[in-house]
């Protein structure tokens, strides 16, 4: 006897988790880049 309904639910939740993780990773990268840009501008502004 094979039960497939549980596997389909697991697959759906894994796809949702993967999508959430990729979104969080992209947000982290964007945030890091923005922080570096702010640091560069502050450094340039304070050295003038």
Protein backbone atom coordinates (compact mmCIF):
# COMPACT_ATOMS: atom_id res chain seq x y z
CA UNK A 1 0.00 0.00 0.00
CA UNK A 2 1.42 3.40 -1.04
CA UNK A 3 0.26 6.70 0.42
CA UNK A 4 1.04 9.63 -1.87
CA UNK A 5 -1.01 12.47 -0.36
CA UNK A 6 1.56 13.10 2.37
CA UNK A 7 4.38 13.25 -0.16
CA UNK A 8 2.55 15.83 -2.26
CA UNK A 9 2.01 18.03 0.79
CA UNK A 10 5.68 17.69 1.73
CA UNK A 11 6.74 18.60 -1.80
CA UNK A 12 4.51 21.68 -1.77
CA UNK A 13 5.84 22.85 1.57
CA UNK A 14 9.43 22.26 0.44
CA UNK A 15 8.87 24.33 -2.70
CA UNK A 16 7.36 27.10 -0.59
CA UNK A 17 10.31 26.96 1.82
CA UNK A 18 12.80 27.07 -1.06
CA UNK A 19 11.03 30.11 -2.52
CA UNK A 20 11.02 31.87 0.86
CA UNK A 21 14.70 31.08 1.39
CA UNK A 22 15.64 32.43 -2.02
CA UNK A 23 13.67 35.64 -1.38
CA UNK A 24 15.36 36.10 2.00
CA UNK A 25 18.76 35.46 0.45
CA UNK A 26 18.13 38.08 -2.25
CA UNK A 27 16.96 40.59 0.37
CA UNK A 28 20.11 39.92 2.38
CA UNK A 29 22.33 40.50 -0.65
CA UNK A 30 20.47 43.71 -1.59
CA UNK A 31 20.72 44.95 1.99
CA UNK A 32 24.45 44.25 2.10
CA UNK A 33 25.04 46.11 -1.17
CA UNK A 34 23.01 49.10 0.04
CA UNK A 35 24.98 49.17 3.30
CA UNK A 36 28.26 49.18 1.38
CA UNK A 37 27.06 52.05 -0.82
CA UNK A 38 26.07 54.06 2.27
CA UNK A 39 29.44 53.39 3.90
CA UNK A 40 31.27 54.52 0.74
CA UNK A 41 29.22 57.73 0.49
CA UNK A 42 29.72 58.53 4.17
CA UNK A 43 33.47 57.92 3.83
CA UNK A 44 33.69 60.20 0.78
CA UNK A 45 31.56 62.89 2.46
CA UNK A 46 33.61 62.88 5.65
CA UNK A 47 36.97 63.02 3.83
CA UNK A 48 36.07 66.10 1.74
